[in-house]
């Protein structure tokens, strides 16, 4: 009986090396994409543009801009609601962008990413 070299029938070590290289490449791409997402800014408006919120991919509010006409001392509650609405929309944009970009890398493997 002839003995095969390498201890794994069918050339397993070569396949394993390729798999490891692909995994390392995917990990690097995910790290680069995560960094890119964290540096991206997302903007959203509410109330027809009277409130604008900008957030970063790190989920930090970078700025809030208010049109002068939305500042009504007798209706602070409406202004608060508009700020919340614009902030939540900016966060939704950021999440959708993150899912789209990471989904391209993982081929739809899923697995909730921490951003």
PDB file of N, CA and C in Angstrom:
ATOM      1  N   UNK A   1       0.836  -1.180   0.000  1.00  0.00           N
ATOM      2  CA  UNK A   1       0.000   0.000   0.000  1.00  0.00           C
ATOM      3  C   UNK A   1       0.881   1.242   0.000  1.00  0.00           C
ATOM      4  N   UNK A   2       0.572   2.151  -0.888  1.00  0.00           N
ATOM      5  CA  UNK A   2       1.355   3.390  -0.966  1.00  0.00           C
ATOM      6  C   UNK A   2       0.874   4.356   0.099  1.00  0.00           C
ATOM      7  N   UNK A   3       1.802   5.056   0.678  1.00  0.00           N
ATOM      8  CA  UNK A   3       1.479   6.023   1.729  1.00  0.00           C
ATOM      9  C   UNK A   3       1.491   7.438   1.135  1.00  0.00           C
ATOM     10  N   UNK A   4       0.453   8.191   1.409  1.00  0.00           N
ATOM     11  CA  UNK A   4       0.394   9.581   0.927  1.00  0.00           C
ATOM     12  C   UNK A   4       1.159  10.484   1.871  1.00  0.00           C
ATOM     13  N   UNK A   5       1.783  11.488   1.320  1.00  0.00           N
ATOM     14  CA  UNK A   5       2.530  12.441   2.147  1.00  0.00           C
ATOM     15  C   UNK A   5       1.619  13.510   2.738  1.00  0.00           C
ATOM     16  N   UNK A   6       2.028  14.086   3.817  1.00  0.00           N
ATOM     17  CA  UNK A   6       1.320  15.223   4.399  1.00  0.00           C
ATOM     18  C   UNK A   6       0.319  14.854   5.461  1.00  0.00           C
ATOM     19  N   UNK A   7      -0.079  13.602   5.567  1.00  0.00           N
ATOM     20  CA  UNK A   7      -0.985  13.206   6.629  1.00  0.00           C
ATOM     21  C   UNK A   7      -2.445  13.481   6.367  1.00  0.00           C
ATOM     22  N   UNK A   8      -2.798  14.240   5.342  1.00  0.00           N
ATOM     23  CA  UNK A   8      -4.193  14.531   5.019  1.00  0.00           C
ATOM     24  C   UNK A   8      -4.487  14.058   3.604  1.00  0.00           C
ATOM     25  N   UNK A   9      -5.402  13.133   3.433  1.00  0.00           N
ATOM     26  CA  UNK A   9      -5.732  12.674   2.087  1.00  0.00           C
ATOM     27  C   UNK A   9      -6.409  13.771   1.280  1.00  0.00           C
ATOM     28  N   UNK A  10      -6.148  13.808  -0.010  1.00  0.00           N
ATOM     29  CA  UNK A  10      -6.840  14.752  -0.888  1.00  0.00           C
ATOM     30  C   UNK A  10      -6.286  16.154  -0.889  1.00  0.00           C
ATOM     31  N   UNK A  11      -5.104  16.386  -0.388  1.00  0.00           N
ATOM     32  CA  UNK A  11      -4.506  17.719  -0.469  1.00  0.00           C
ATOM     33  C   UNK A  11      -5.088  18.722   0.507  1.00  0.00           C
ATOM     34  N   UNK A  12      -5.533  18.323   1.633  1.00  0.00           N
ATOM     35  CA  UNK A  12      -6.168  19.181   2.623  1.00  0.00           C
ATOM     36  C   UNK A  12      -5.312  20.373   3.058  1.00  0.00           C
ATOM     37  N   UNK A  13      -4.001  20.225   3.268  1.00  0.00           N
ATOM     38  CA  UNK A  13      -3.220  21.381   3.727  1.00  0.00           C
ATOM     39  C   UNK A  13      -3.302  22.573   2.782  1.00  0.00           C
ATOM     40  N   UNK A  14      -3.271  22.349   1.467  1.00  0.00           N
ATOM     41  CA  UNK A  14      -3.379  23.451   0.519  1.00  0.00           C
ATOM     42  C   UNK A  14      -4.710  24.161   0.630  1.00  0.00           C
ATOM     43  N   UNK A  15      -5.764  23.390   0.762  1.00  0.00           N
ATOM     44  CA  UNK A  15      -7.094  23.988   0.914  1.00  0.00           C
ATOM     45  C   UNK A  15      -7.205  24.770   2.211  1.00  0.00           C
ATOM     46  N   UNK A  16      -6.603  24.245   3.257  1.00  0.00           N
ATOM     47  CA  UNK A  16      -6.639  24.915   4.548  1.00  0.00           C
ATOM     48  C   UNK A  16      -5.888  26.240   4.480  1.00  0.00           C
ATOM     49  N   UNK A  17      -4.737  26.246   3.795  1.00  0.00           N
ATOM     50  CA  UNK A  17      -3.977  27.489   3.646  1.00  0.00           C
ATOM     51  C   UNK A  17      -4.777  28.524   2.870  1.00  0.00           C
ATOM     52  N   UNK A  18      -5.444  28.095   1.806  1.00  0.00           N
ATOM     53  CA  UNK A  18      -6.283  29.023   1.029  1.00  0.00           C
ATOM     54  C   UNK A  18      -7.420  29.570   1.875  1.00  0.00           C
ATOM     55  N   UNK A  19      -8.027  28.698   2.662  1.00  0.00           N
ATOM     56  CA  UNK A  19      -9.126  29.126   3.528  1.00  0.00           C
ATOM     57  C   UNK A  19      -8.640  30.150   4.549  1.00  0.00           C
ATOM     58  N   UNK A  20      -7.474  29.915   5.111  1.00  0.00           N
ATOM     59  CA  UNK A  20      -6.914  30.849   6.094  1.00  0.00           C
ATOM     60  C   UNK A  20      -6.587  32.195   5.445  1.00  0.00           C
ATOM     61  N   UNK A  21      -6.034  32.159   4.238  1.00  0.00           N
ATOM     62  CA  UNK A  21      -5.725  33.404   3.527  1.00  0.00           C
ATOM     63  C   UNK A  21      -6.996  34.181   3.229  1.00  0.00           C
ATOM     64  N   UNK A  22      -8.042  33.476   2.814  1.00  0.00           N
ATOM     65  CA  UNK A  22      -9.315  34.144   2.527  1.00  0.00           C
ATOM     66  C   UNK A  22      -9.905  34.744   3.793  1.00  0.00           C
ATOM     67  N   UNK A  23      -9.818  34.017   4.899  1.00  0.00           N
ATOM     68  CA  UNK A  23     -10.334  34.527   6.174  1.00  0.00           C
ATOM     69  C   UNK A  23      -9.573  35.773   6.611  1.00  0.00           C
ATOM     70  N   UNK A  24      -8.245  35.759   6.447  1.00  0.00           N
ATOM     71  CA  UNK A  24      -7.440  36.920   6.817  1.00  0.00           C
ATOM     72  C   UNK A  24      -7.767  38.116   5.929  1.00  0.00           C
ATOM     73  N   UNK A  25      -7.972  37.843   4.634  1.00  0.00           N
ATOM     74  CA  UNK A  25      -8.326  38.921   3.714  1.00  0.00           C
ATOM     75  C   UNK A  25      -9.675  39.523   4.102  1.00  0.00           C
ATOM     76  N   UNK A  26     -10.650  38.655   4.421  1.00  0.00           N
ATOM     77  CA  UNK A  26     -11.976  39.139   4.816  1.00  0.00           C
ATOM     78  C   UNK A  26     -11.893  39.943   6.107  1.00  0.00           C
ATOM     79  N   UNK A  27     -11.081  39.476   7.057  1.00  0.00           N
ATOM     80  CA  UNK A  27     -10.926  40.202   8.318  1.00  0.00           C
ATOM     81  C   UNK A  27     -10.349  41.592   8.069  1.00  0.00           C
ATOM     82  N   UNK A  28      -9.358  41.696   7.210  1.00  0.00           N
ATOM     83  CA  UNK A  28      -8.747  42.995   6.884  1.00  0.00           C
ATOM     84  C   UNK A  28      -9.769  43.905   6.219  1.00  0.00           C
ATOM     85  N   UNK A  29     -10.550  43.352   5.277  1.00  0.00           N
ATOM     86  CA  UNK A  29     -11.572  44.151   4.603  1.00  0.00           C
ATOM     87  C   UNK A  29     -12.623  44.631   5.598  1.00  0.00           C
ATOM     88  N   UNK A  30     -12.996  43.781   6.546  1.00  0.00           N
ATOM     89  CA  UNK A  30     -13.982  44.177   7.552  1.00  0.00           C
ATOM     90  C   UNK A  30     -13.432  45.268   8.454  1.00  0.00           C
ATOM     91  N   UNK A  31     -12.165  45.158   8.825  1.00  0.00           N
ATOM     92  CA  UNK A  31     -11.539  46.198   9.652  1.00  0.00           C
ATOM     93  C   UNK A  31     -11.500  47.528   8.898  1.00  0.00           C
ATOM     94  N   UNK A  32     -11.129  47.478   7.617  1.00  0.00           N
ATOM     95  CA  UNK A  32     -11.074  48.701   6.813  1.00  0.00           C
ATOM     96  C   UNK A  32     -12.462  49.310   6.658  1.00  0.00           C
ATOM     97  N   UNK A  33     -13.459  48.463   6.422  1.00  0.00           N
ATOM     98  CA  UNK A  33     -14.829  48.945   6.251  1.00  0.00           C
ATOM     99  C   UNK A  33     -15.353  49.535   7.553  1.00  0.00           C
ATOM    100  N   UNK A  34     -15.053  48.893   8.669  1.00  0.00           N
ATOM    101  CA  UNK A  34     -15.478  49.417   9.973  1.00  0.00           C
ATOM    102  C   UNK A  34     -14.871  50.794  10.213  1.00  0.00           C
ATOM    103  N   UNK A  35     -13.597  50.949   9.907  1.00  0.00           N
ATOM    104  CA  UNK A  35     -12.937  52.253  10.081  1.00  0.00           C
ATOM    105  C   UNK A  35     -13.592  53.293   9.173  1.00  0.00           C
ATOM    106  N   UNK A  36     -13.858  52.917   7.928  1.00  0.00           N
ATOM    107  CA  UNK A  36     -14.509  53.835   6.987  1.00  0.00           C
ATOM    108  C   UNK A  36     -15.890  54.246   7.501  1.00  0.00           C
ATOM    109  N   UNK A  37     -16.650  53.284   8.003  1.00  0.00           N
ATOM    110  CA  UNK A  37     -17.985  53.588   8.526  1.00  0.00           C
ATOM    111  C   UNK A  37     -17.907  54.529   9.717  1.00  0.00           C
ATOM    112  N   UNK A  38     -16.939  54.311  10.593  1.00  0.00           N
ATOM    113  CA  UNK A  38     -16.802  55.157  11.777  1.00  0.00           C
ATOM    114  C   UNK A  38     -16.437  56.590  11.418  1.00  0.00           C
ATOM    115  N   UNK A  39     -15.758  56.784  10.294  1.00  0.00           N
ATOM    116  CA  UNK A  39     -15.338  58.119   9.879  1.00  0.00           C
ATOM    117  C   UNK A  39     -16.388  58.821   9.018  1.00  0.00           C
ATOM    118  N   UNK A  40     -17.430  58.101   8.625  1.00  0.00           N
ATOM    119  CA  UNK A  40     -18.469  58.673   7.775  1.00  0.00           C
ATOM    120  C   UNK A  40     -19.440  59.485   8.621  1.00  0.00           C
ATOM    121  N   UNK A  41     -19.965  60.563   8.041  1.00  0.00           N
ATOM    122  CA  UNK A  41     -20.984  61.379   8.700  1.00  0.00           C
ATOM    123  C   UNK A  41     -22.319  61.171   8.006  1.00  0.00           C
ATOM    124  N   UNK A  42     -23.379  61.151   8.800  1.00  0.00           N
ATOM    125  CA  UNK A  42     -24.731  60.944   8.291  1.00  0.00           C
ATOM    126  C   UNK A  42     -25.593  62.123   8.725  1.00  0.00           C
ATOM    127  N   UNK A  43     -26.324  62.676   7.779  1.00  0.00           N
ATOM    128  CA  UNK A  43     -27.148  63.859   8.032  1.00  0.00           C
ATOM    129  C   UNK A  43     -28.605  63.529   7.762  1.00  0.00           C
ATOM    130  N   UNK A  44     -29.468  64.050   8.610  1.00  0.00           N
ATOM    131  CA  UNK A  44     -30.905  63.891   8.404  1.00  0.00           C
ATOM    132  C   UNK A  44     -31.601  65.159   8.871  1.00  0.00           C
ATOM    133  N   UNK A  45     -32.781  65.397   8.297  1.00  0.00           N
ATOM    134  CA  UNK A  45     -33.561  66.576   8.656  1.00  0.00           C
ATOM    135  C   UNK A  45     -34.949  66.157   9.116  1.00  0.00           C
ATOM    136  N   UNK A  46     -35.632  67.090   9.760  1.00  0.00           N
ATOM    137  CA  UNK A  46     -37.020  66.890  10.184  1.00  0.00           C
ATOM    138  C   UNK A  46     -37.751  68.223  10.052  1.00  0.00           C
ATOM    139  N   UNK A  47     -39.065  68.126   9.986  1.00  0.00           N
ATOM    140  CA  UNK A  47     -39.876  69.344   9.902  1.00  0.00           C
ATOM    141  C   UNK A  47     -39.655  70.105   8.617  1.00  0.00           C
ATOM    142  N   UNK A  48     -39.437  69.385   7.531  1.00  0.00           N
ATOM    143  CA  UNK A  48     -39.226  70.049   6.255  1.00  0.00           C
ATOM    144  C   UNK A  48     -37.884  70.757   6.162  1.00  0.00           C
ATOM    145  N   UNK A  49     -36.927  70.324   6.964  1.00  0.00           N
ATOM    146  CA  UNK A  49     -35.591  70.904   6.892  1.00  0.00           C
ATOM    147  C   UNK A  49     -35.290  71.942   7.954  1.00  0.00           C
ATOM    148  N   UNK A  50     -36.213  72.176   8.882  1.00  0.00           N
ATOM    149  CA  UNK A  50     -35.957  73.193   9.909  1.00  0.00           C
ATOM    150  C   UNK A  50     -35.029  72.693  11.012  1.00  0.00           C
ATOM    151  N   UNK A  51     -34.875  71.359  11.110  1.00  0.00           N
ATOM    152  CA  UNK A  51     -33.943  70.770  12.055  1.00  0.00           C
ATOM    153  C   UNK A  51     -33.036  69.830  11.270  1.00  0.00           C
ATOM    154  N   UNK A  52     -31.727  69.992  11.433  1.00  0.00           N
ATOM    155  CA  UNK A  52     -30.751  69.128  10.774  1.00  0.00           C
ATOM    156  C   UNK A  52     -29.818  68.568  11.836  1.00  0.00           C
ATOM    157  N   UNK A  53     -29.631  67.249  11.794  1.00  0.00           N
ATOM    158  CA  UNK A  53     -28.729  66.579  12.731  1.00  0.00           C
ATOM    159  C   UNK A  53     -27.683  65.832  11.923  1.00  0.00           C
ATOM    160  N   UNK A  54     -26.428  65.935  12.356  1.00  0.00           N
ATOM    161  CA  UNK A  54     -25.329  65.193  11.748  1.00  0.00           C
ATOM    162  C   UNK A  54     -24.738  64.293  12.826  1.00  0.00           C
ATOM    163  N   UNK A  55     -24.610  62.987  12.493  1.00  0.00           N
ATOM    164  CA  UNK A  55     -23.984  62.051  13.413  1.00  0.00           C
ATOM    165  C   UNK A  55     -22.789  61.403  12.717  1.00  0.00           C
ATOM    166  N   UNK A  56     -21.927  60.784  13.506  1.00  0.00           N
ATOM    167  CA  UNK A  56     -20.798  60.033  12.951  1.00  0.00           C
ATOM    168  C   UNK A  56     -21.140  58.545  12.975  1.00  0.00           C
ATOM    169  N   UNK A  57     -20.337  57.772  12.283  1.00  0.00           N
ATOM    170  CA  UNK A  57     -20.502  56.326  12.297  1.00  0.00           C
ATOM    171  C   UNK A  57     -20.223  55.715  13.653  1.00  0.00           C
ATOM    172  N   UNK A  58     -19.703  56.502  14.575  1.00  0.00           N
ATOM    173  CA  UNK A  58     -19.486  56.051  15.950  1.00  0.00           C
ATOM    174  C   UNK A  58     -20.716  56.325  16.808  1.00  0.00           C
ATOM    175  N   UNK A  59     -21.805  56.737  16.157  1.00  0.00           N
ATOM    176  CA  UNK A  59     -23.077  57.052  16.825  1.00  0.00           C
ATOM    177  C   UNK A  59     -22.952  58.237  17.777  1.00  0.00           C
ATOM    178  N   UNK A  60     -22.163  59.215  17.382  1.00  0.00           N
ATOM    179  CA  UNK A  60     -22.014  60.439  18.156  1.00  0.00           C
ATOM    180  C   UNK A  60     -22.662  61.579  17.391  1.00  0.00           C
ATOM    181  N   UNK A  61     -23.449  62.397  18.081  1.00  0.00           N
ATOM    182  CA  UNK A  61     -24.056  63.562  17.447  1.00  0.00           C
ATOM    183  C   UNK A  61     -22.962  64.596  17.252  1.00  0.00           C
ATOM    184  N   UNK A  62     -22.762  64.983  15.993  1.00  0.00           N
ATOM    185  CA  UNK A  62     -21.718  65.962  15.682  1.00  0.00           C
ATOM    186  C   UNK A  62     -22.277  67.379  15.693  1.00  0.00           C
ATOM    187  N   UNK A  63     -23.484  67.538  15.154  1.00  0.00           N
ATOM    188  CA  UNK A  63     -24.066  68.882  15.161  1.00  0.00           C
ATOM    189  C   UNK A  63     -25.584  68.826  15.064  1.00  0.00           C
ATOM    190  N   UNK A  64     -26.202  69.888  15.566  1.00  0.00           N
ATOM    191  CA  UNK A  64     -27.646  70.095  15.462  1.00  0.00           C
ATOM    192  C   UNK A  64     -27.825  71.526  14.982  1.00  0.00           C
ATOM    193  N   UNK A  65     -28.535  71.681  13.862  1.00  0.00           N
ATOM    194  CA  UNK A  65     -28.803  73.021  13.330  1.00  0.00           C
ATOM    195  C   UNK A  65     -30.302  73.252  13.330  1.00  0.00           C
ATOM    196  N   UNK A  66     -30.682  74.448  13.783  1.00  0.00           N
ATOM    197  CA  UNK A  66     -32.090  74.814  13.866  1.00  0.00           C
ATOM    198  C   UNK A  66     -32.349  76.065  13.037  1.00  0.00           C
ATOM    199  N   UNK A  67     -33.403  76.004  12.238  1.00  0.00           N
ATOM    200  CA  UNK A  67     -33.822  77.213  11.533  1.00  0.00           C
ATOM    201  C   UNK A  67     -34.476  78.138  12.556  1.00  0.00           C
ATOM    202  N   UNK A  68     -34.257  79.409  12.388  1.00  0.00           N
ATOM    203  CA  UNK A  68     -34.750  80.391  13.358  1.00  0.00           C
ATOM    204  C   UNK A  68     -36.252  80.271  13.603  1.00  0.00           C
ATOM    205  N   UNK A  69     -37.013  79.994  12.536  1.00  0.00           N
ATOM    206  CA  UNK A  69     -38.473  79.950  12.679  1.00  0.00           C
ATOM    207  C   UNK A  69     -38.979  78.771  13.506  1.00  0.00           C
ATOM    208  N   UNK A  70     -38.156  77.756  13.750  1.00  0.00           N
ATOM    209  CA  UNK A  70     -38.609  76.605  14.526  1.00  0.00           C
ATOM    210  C   UNK A  70     -38.431  76.833  16.026  1.00  0.00           C
ATOM    211  N   UNK A  71     -37.712  77.881  16.393  1.00  0.00           N
ATOM    212  CA  UNK A  71     -37.471  78.172  17.800  1.00  0.00           C
ATOM    213  C   UNK A  71     -38.629  79.021  18.329  1.00  0.00           C
ATOM    214  N   UNK A  72     -39.580  78.329  18.941  1.00  0.00           N
ATOM    215  CA  UNK A  72     -40.766  78.984  19.503  1.00  0.00           C
ATOM    216  C   UNK A  72     -40.797  78.687  20.997  1.00  0.00           C
ATOM    217  N   UNK A  73     -40.538  79.685  21.830  1.00  0.00           N
ATOM    218  CA  UNK A  73     -40.502  79.454  23.277  1.00  0.00           C
ATOM    219  C   UNK A  73     -41.807  78.886  23.829  1.00  0.00           C
ATOM    220  N   UNK A  74     -42.899  79.068  23.107  1.00  0.00           N
ATOM    221  CA  UNK A  74     -44.183  78.549  23.567  1.00  0.00           C
ATOM    222  C   UNK A  74     -44.423  77.105  23.113  1.00  0.00           C
ATOM    223  N   UNK A  75     -43.524  76.560  22.293  1.00  0.00           N
ATOM    224  CA  UNK A  75     -43.698  75.187  21.808  1.00  0.00           C
ATOM    225  C   UNK A  75     -42.359  74.448  21.789  1.00  0.00           C
ATOM    226  N   UNK A  76     -41.729  74.381  22.940  1.00  0.00           N
ATOM    227  CA  UNK A  76     -40.448  73.686  23.077  1.00  0.00           C
ATOM    228  C   UNK A  76     -40.617  72.195  22.756  1.00  0.00           C
ATOM    229  N   UNK A  77     -41.754  71.634  23.104  1.00  0.00           N
ATOM    230  CA  UNK A  77     -41.986  70.201  22.896  1.00  0.00           C
ATOM    231  C   UNK A  77     -41.882  69.812  21.417  1.00  0.00           C
ATOM    232  N   UNK A  78     -42.402  70.662  20.520  1.00  0.00           N
ATOM    233  CA  UNK A  78     -42.316  70.362  19.092  1.00  0.00           C
ATOM    234  C   UNK A  78     -40.853  70.356  18.641  1.00  0.00           C
ATOM    235  N   UNK A  79     -40.084  71.307  19.108  1.00  0.00           N
ATOM    236  CA  UNK A  79     -38.666  71.375  18.755  1.00  0.00           C
ATOM    237  C   UNK A  79     -37.931  70.139  19.253  1.00  0.00           C
ATOM    238  N   UNK A  80     -38.213  69.722  20.469  1.00  0.00           N
ATOM    239  CA  UNK A  80     -37.598  68.513  21.009  1.00  0.00           C
ATOM    240  C   UNK A  80     -37.940  67.288  20.145  1.00  0.00           C
ATOM    241  N   UNK A  81     -39.206  67.186  19.748  1.00  0.00           N
ATOM    242  CA  UNK A  81     -39.639  66.063  18.904  1.00  0.00           C
ATOM    243  C   UNK A  81     -38.934  66.070  17.550  1.00  0.00           C
ATOM    244  N   UNK A  82     -38.757  67.242  16.980  1.00  0.00           N
ATOM    245  CA  UNK A  82     -38.075  67.338  15.690  1.00  0.00           C
ATOM    246  C   UNK A  82     -36.604  66.933  15.800  1.00  0.00           C
ATOM    247  N   UNK A  83     -35.962  67.316  16.892  1.00  0.00           N
ATOM    248  CA  UNK A  83     -34.561  66.936  17.102  1.00  0.00           C
ATOM    249  C   UNK A  83     -34.451  65.420  17.258  1.00  0.00           C
ATOM    250  N   UNK A  84     -35.348  64.828  18.020  1.00  0.00           N
ATOM    251  CA  UNK A  84     -35.352  63.376  18.189  1.00  0.00           C
ATOM    252  C   UNK A  84     -35.583  62.689  16.850  1.00  0.00           C
ATOM    253  N   UNK A  85     -36.547  63.178  16.068  1.00  0.00           N
ATOM    254  CA  UNK A  85     -36.862  62.572  14.772  1.00  0.00           C
ATOM    255  C   UNK A  85     -35.671  62.638  13.815  1.00  0.00           C
ATOM    256  N   UNK A  86     -35.008  63.775  13.751  1.00  0.00           N
ATOM    257  CA  UNK A  86     -33.857  63.925  12.862  1.00  0.00           C
ATOM    258  C   UNK A  86     -32.697  63.042  13.322  1.00  0.00           C
ATOM    259  N   UNK A  87     -32.487  62.961  14.616  1.00  0.00           N
ATOM    260  CA  UNK A  87     -31.411  62.125  15.151  1.00  0.00           C
ATOM    261  C   UNK A  87     -31.678  60.652  14.845  1.00  0.00           C
ATOM    262  N   UNK A  88     -32.892  60.195  15.074  1.00  0.00           N
ATOM    263  CA  UNK A  88     -33.231  58.805  14.794  1.00  0.00           C
ATOM    264  C   UNK A  88     -33.109  58.479  13.307  1.00  0.00           C
ATOM    265  N   UNK A  89     -33.469  59.395  12.446  1.00  0.00           N
ATOM    266  CA  UNK A  89     -33.338  59.157  11.004  1.00  0.00           C
ATOM    267  C   UNK A  89     -31.868  59.071  10.603  1.00  0.00           C
ATOM    268  N   UNK A  90     -31.024  59.916  11.185  1.00  0.00           N
ATOM    269  CA  UNK A  90     -29.591  59.846  10.895  1.00  0.00           C
ATOM    270  C   UNK A  90     -29.020  58.504  11.360  1.00  0.00           C
ATOM    271  N   UNK A  91     -29.458  58.029  12.514  1.00  0.00           N
ATOM    272  CA  UNK A  91     -29.006  56.724  13.011  1.00  0.00           C
ATOM    273  C   UNK A  91     -29.471  55.596  12.089  1.00  0.00           C
ATOM    274  N   UNK A  92     -30.697  55.677  11.575  1.00  0.00           N
ATOM    275  CA  UNK A  92     -31.196  54.666  10.635  1.00  0.00           C
ATOM    276  C   UNK A  92     -30.356  54.645   9.367  1.00  0.00           C
ATOM    277  N   UNK A  93     -29.992  55.826   8.871  1.00  0.00           N
ATOM    278  CA  UNK A  93     -29.142  55.905   7.678  1.00  0.00           C
ATOM    279  C   UNK A  93     -27.792  55.244   7.937  1.00  0.00           C
ATOM    280  N   UNK A  94     -27.213  55.516   9.097  1.00  0.00           N
ATOM    281  CA  UNK A  94     -25.924  54.939   9.448  1.00  0.00           C
ATOM    282  C   UNK A  94     -26.023  53.422   9.536  1.00  0.00           C
ATOM    283  N   UNK A  95     -27.048  52.900  10.175  1.00  0.00           N
ATOM    284  CA  UNK A  95     -27.226  51.450  10.315  1.00  0.00           C
ATOM    285  C   UNK A  95     -27.423  50.793   8.951  1.00  0.00           C
ATOM    286  N   UNK A  96     -28.222  51.401   8.088  1.00  0.00           N
ATOM    287  CA  UNK A  96     -28.466  50.839   6.756  1.00  0.00           C
ATOM    288  C   UNK A  96     -27.175  50.803   5.945  1.00  0.00           C
ATOM    289  N   UNK A  97     -26.377  51.865   6.041  1.00  0.00           N
ATOM    290  CA  UNK A  97     -25.104  51.918   5.331  1.00  0.00           C
ATOM    291  C   UNK A  97     -24.160  50.829   5.853  1.00  0.00           C
ATOM    292  N   UNK A  98     -24.105  50.668   7.167  1.00  0.00           N
ATOM    293  CA  UNK A  98     -23.233  49.653   7.767  1.00  0.00           C
ATOM    294  C   UNK A  98     -23.663  48.255   7.326  1.00  0.00           C
ATOM    295  N   UNK A  99     -24.957  47.980   7.351  1.00  0.00           N
ATOM    296  CA  UNK A  99     -25.443  46.656   6.945  1.00  0.00           C
ATOM    297  C   UNK A  99     -25.153  46.390   5.476  1.00  0.00           C
ATOM    298  N   UNK A 100     -25.338  47.391   4.639  1.00  0.00           N
ATOM    299  CA  UNK A 100     -25.095  47.210   3.205  1.00  0.00           C
ATOM    300  C   UNK A 100     -23.617  46.932   2.932  1.00  0.00           C
ATOM    301  N   UNK A 101     -22.744  47.712   3.542  1.00  0.00           N
ATOM    302  CA  UNK A 101     -21.310  47.551   3.292  1.00  0.00           C
ATOM    303  C   UNK A 101     -20.769  46.254   3.887  1.00  0.00           C
ATOM    304  N   UNK A 102     -21.183  45.902   5.077  1.00  0.00           N
ATOM    305  CA  UNK A 102     -20.704  44.667   5.685  1.00  0.00           C
ATOM    306  C   UNK A 102     -21.348  43.454   5.012  1.00  0.00           C
ATOM    307  N   UNK A 103     -22.581  43.582   4.562  1.00  0.00           N
ATOM    308  CA  UNK A 103     -23.245  42.488   3.869  1.00  0.00           C
ATOM    309  C   UNK A 103     -22.523  42.107   2.582  1.00  0.00           C
ATOM    310  N   UNK A 104     -21.944  43.101   1.910  1.00  0.00           N
ATOM    311  CA  UNK A 104     -21.164  42.822   0.703  1.00  0.00           C
ATOM    312  C   UNK A 104     -19.948  41.969   1.030  1.00  0.00           C
ATOM    313  N   UNK A 105     -19.344  42.218   2.174  1.00  0.00           N
ATOM    314  CA  UNK A 105     -18.144  41.471   2.558  1.00  0.00           C
ATOM    315  C   UNK A 105     -18.466  40.064   3.028  1.00  0.00           C
ATOM    316  N   UNK A 106     -19.547  39.924   3.776  1.00  0.00           N
ATOM    317  CA  UNK A 106     -19.861  38.624   4.378  1.00  0.00           C
ATOM    318  C   UNK A 106     -20.740  37.769   3.484  1.00  0.00           C
ATOM    319  N   UNK A 107     -21.222  38.325   2.392  1.00  0.00           N
ATOM    320  CA  UNK A 107     -22.083  37.559   1.507  1.00  0.00           C
ATOM    321  C   UNK A 107     -23.378  37.152   2.172  1.00  0.00           C
ATOM    322  N   UNK A 108     -23.854  37.985   3.099  1.00  0.00           N
ATOM    323  CA  UNK A 108     -25.116  37.702   3.766  1.00  0.00           C
ATOM    324  C   UNK A 108     -25.008  36.694   4.895  1.00  0.00           C
ATOM    325  N   UNK A 109     -23.811  36.480   5.423  1.00  0.00           N
ATOM    326  CA  UNK A 109     -23.647  35.534   6.513  1.00  0.00           C
ATOM    327  C   UNK A 109     -24.302  36.010   7.803  1.00  0.00           C
ATOM    328  N   UNK A 110     -24.571  37.312   7.888  1.00  0.00           N
ATOM    329  CA  UNK A 110     -25.214  37.853   9.082  1.00  0.00           C
ATOM    330  C   UNK A 110     -24.222  38.005  10.215  1.00  0.00           C
ATOM    331  N   UNK A 111     -24.719  37.884  11.428  1.00  0.00           N
ATOM    332  CA  UNK A 111     -23.849  37.966  12.608  1.00  0.00           C
ATOM    333  C   UNK A 111     -23.696  39.373  13.093  1.00  0.00           C
ATOM    334  N   UNK A 112     -24.610  39.915  13.827  1.00  0.00           N
ATOM    335  CA  UNK A 112     -24.648  41.288  14.280  1.00  0.00           C
ATOM    336  C   UNK A 112     -23.305  41.915  14.575  1.00  0.00           C
ATOM    337  N   UNK A 113     -22.983  42.963  13.853  1.00  0.00           N
ATOM    338  CA  UNK A 113     -21.724  43.666  14.046  1.00  0.00           C
ATOM    339  C   UNK A 113     -21.918  44.781  15.057  1.00  0.00           C
ATOM    340  N   UNK A 114     -20.913  45.067  15.862  1.00  0.00           N
ATOM    341  CA  UNK A 114     -21.050  46.015  16.975  1.00  0.00           C
ATOM    342  C   UNK A 114     -20.927  47.469  16.584  1.00  0.00           C
ATOM    343  N   UNK A 115     -21.632  47.917  15.550  1.00  0.00           N
ATOM    344  CA  UNK A 115     -21.601  49.326  15.186  1.00  0.00           C
ATOM    345  C   UNK A 115     -22.906  49.735  14.618  1.00  0.00           C
TER     346      UNK A 115
END
